[in-house]
């Protein structure tokens, strides 16, 4: 599977953004806290919910692309950005909530939309 095929496979049902080199927002999305790190992923999957993360992981596996995950972007070693692979950007996933029997819900809110996905119930201990 080529990078183009990966973009196409992410496009179906993917509620986030898929960015490739040259796309508006690509350079801003790949920047991390450590300015000395200048890696260029083949694709950046800006996930909005858990289903987007699953789709991105599957697309990377199917394409044989190295995978990296950007949470807060503060890893000083630059592990959040891959060179030539697929970077999963979690920055749009701004919150989690628990309800009832510790059911975890990931959610995002943007100027144009809001979405949430619940995961399977899990036991939480405090």
Protein backbone atom coordinates (compact mmCIF):
# COMPACT_ATOMS: atom_id res chain seq x y z
CA UNK A 1 0.00 0.00 0.00
CA UNK A 2 1.37 3.42 -0.95
CA UNK A 3 1.08 6.60 1.07
CA UNK A 4 -1.71 7.69 -1.28
CA UNK A 5 -3.58 4.44 -0.55
CA UNK A 6 -3.10 5.08 3.18
CA UNK A 7 -4.66 8.53 2.85
CA UNK A 8 -7.58 7.02 0.95
CA UNK A 9 -8.10 4.29 3.54
CA UNK A 10 -8.07 6.88 6.34
CA UNK A 11 -10.50 9.09 4.45
CA UNK A 12 -13.41 6.68 4.81
CA UNK A 13 -14.98 7.22 8.23
CA UNK A 14 -11.97 9.16 9.58
CA UNK A 15 -13.31 12.24 11.37
CA UNK A 16 -9.92 13.88 11.93
CA UNK A 17 -7.52 15.49 9.48
CA UNK A 18 -4.94 13.71 7.34
CA UNK A 19 -2.00 15.90 6.41
CA UNK A 20 0.77 15.17 3.90
CA UNK A 21 3.86 17.25 3.09
CA UNK A 22 2.79 20.41 1.30
CA UNK A 23 -0.70 20.47 2.85
CA UNK A 24 -1.72 23.60 4.78
CA UNK A 25 -1.05 22.96 8.47
CA UNK A 26 1.44 20.11 7.89
CA UNK A 27 4.51 21.99 9.12
CA UNK A 28 2.71 23.35 12.18
CA UNK A 29 1.39 19.87 13.06
CA UNK A 30 4.82 18.22 12.95
CA UNK A 31 6.54 20.76 15.22
CA UNK A 32 7.31 19.59 18.75
CA UNK A 33 8.66 21.21 21.90
CA UNK A 34 12.30 20.41 21.08
CA UNK A 35 13.12 22.75 18.18
CA UNK A 36 16.23 20.71 17.33
CA UNK A 37 14.03 17.86 16.07
CA UNK A 38 13.08 18.37 12.41
CA UNK A 39 11.51 15.10 11.24
CA UNK A 40 9.05 14.86 8.36
CA UNK A 41 6.37 12.17 8.56
CA UNK A 42 4.88 10.88 5.30
CA UNK A 43 1.45 11.43 6.88
CA UNK A 44 0.02 13.05 9.98
CA UNK A 45 -3.29 11.69 11.25
CA UNK A 46 -4.87 14.31 13.51
CA UNK A 47 -7.31 12.09 15.41
CA UNK A 48 -10.53 13.36 17.00
CA UNK A 49 -11.61 10.15 18.75
CA UNK A 50 -10.67 6.58 19.60
CA UNK A 51 -12.01 5.21 16.30
CA UNK A 52 -9.67 7.58 14.41
CA UNK A 53 -6.69 6.25 16.38
CA UNK A 54 -7.66 2.66 15.53
CA UNK A 55 -8.02 3.57 11.83
CA UNK A 56 -4.63 5.30 11.81
CA UNK A 57 -2.85 2.38 13.49
CA UNK A 58 -4.44 -0.03 11.00
CA UNK A 59 -3.48 2.16 8.02
CA UNK A 60 0.14 2.38 9.21
CA UNK A 61 0.29 -1.39 9.72
CA UNK A 62 -1.26 -2.12 6.32
CA UNK A 63 1.16 0.30 4.59
CA UNK A 64 4.21 -0.93 6.51
CA UNK A 65 4.83 2.57 7.83
CA UNK A 66 6.67 3.31 11.06
CA UNK A 67 4.26 4.77 13.60
CA UNK A 68 4.75 7.53 16.15
CA UNK A 69 2.29 9.10 18.58
CA UNK A 70 2.27 12.76 19.54
CA UNK A 71 0.48 13.37 22.80
CA UNK A 72 1.66 16.66 24.24
CA UNK A 73 4.71 16.98 22.00
CA UNK A 74 7.05 17.49 24.96
CA UNK A 75 9.27 14.40 24.61
CA UNK A 76 12.73 15.93 24.52
CA UNK A 77 14.13 13.06 22.41
CA UNK A 78 11.63 13.71 19.61
CA UNK A 79 9.97 10.27 19.72
CA UNK A 80 6.59 11.88 18.92
CA UNK A 81 7.57 12.43 15.28
CA UNK A 82 8.66 9.76 12.82
CA UNK A 83 10.76 10.32 9.73
CA UNK A 84 8.84 9.08 6.70
CA UNK A 85 6.19 7.17 8.68
CA UNK A 86 2.74 7.95 10.02
CA UNK A 87 2.46 10.28 13.00
CA UNK A 88 -0.71 10.04 15.08
CA UNK A 89 -1.42 13.48 16.53
CA UNK A 90 -3.65 13.37 19.62
CA UNK A 91 -3.69 17.14 20.20
CA UNK A 92 -7.33 17.44 19.07
CA UNK A 93 -8.40 14.94 21.75
CA UNK A 94 -8.72 17.37 24.63
CA UNK A 95 -10.59 15.51 27.34
CA UNK A 96 -11.87 12.35 28.95
CA UNK A 97 -14.85 11.75 31.15
CA UNK A 98 -16.00 8.84 33.27
CA UNK A 99 -19.58 7.93 33.96
CA UNK A 100 -21.34 5.18 35.91
CA UNK A 101 -19.15 2.11 36.13
CA UNK A 102 -15.97 3.90 35.02
CA UNK A 103 -16.84 4.04 31.34
CA UNK A 104 -14.17 6.15 29.69
CA UNK A 105 -15.13 8.56 26.93
CA UNK A 106 -12.66 10.48 24.79
CA UNK A 107 -13.98 13.68 23.30
CA UNK A 108 -12.95 16.64 21.21
CA UNK A 109 -14.39 20.04 20.61
CA UNK A 110 -13.49 22.28 17.69
CA UNK A 111 -15.00 25.42 16.26
CA UNK A 112 -16.81 23.39 13.62
CA UNK A 113 -17.72 20.11 15.32
CA UNK A 114 -17.86 18.04 18.45
CA UNK A 115 -17.57 14.26 18.75
CA UNK A 116 -17.07 11.55 21.32
CA UNK A 117 -16.43 7.81 21.39
CA UNK A 118 -16.86 5.55 24.39
CA UNK A 119 -14.47 2.69 25.06
CA UNK A 120 -15.30 -0.60 26.69
CA UNK A 121 -15.97 -0.36 30.43
CA UNK A 122 -12.89 -0.81 32.53
CA UNK A 123 -12.18 -1.00 36.22
CA UNK A 124 -10.47 2.03 37.68
CA UNK A 125 -8.85 2.13 41.06
CA UNK A 126 -7.86 5.23 42.97
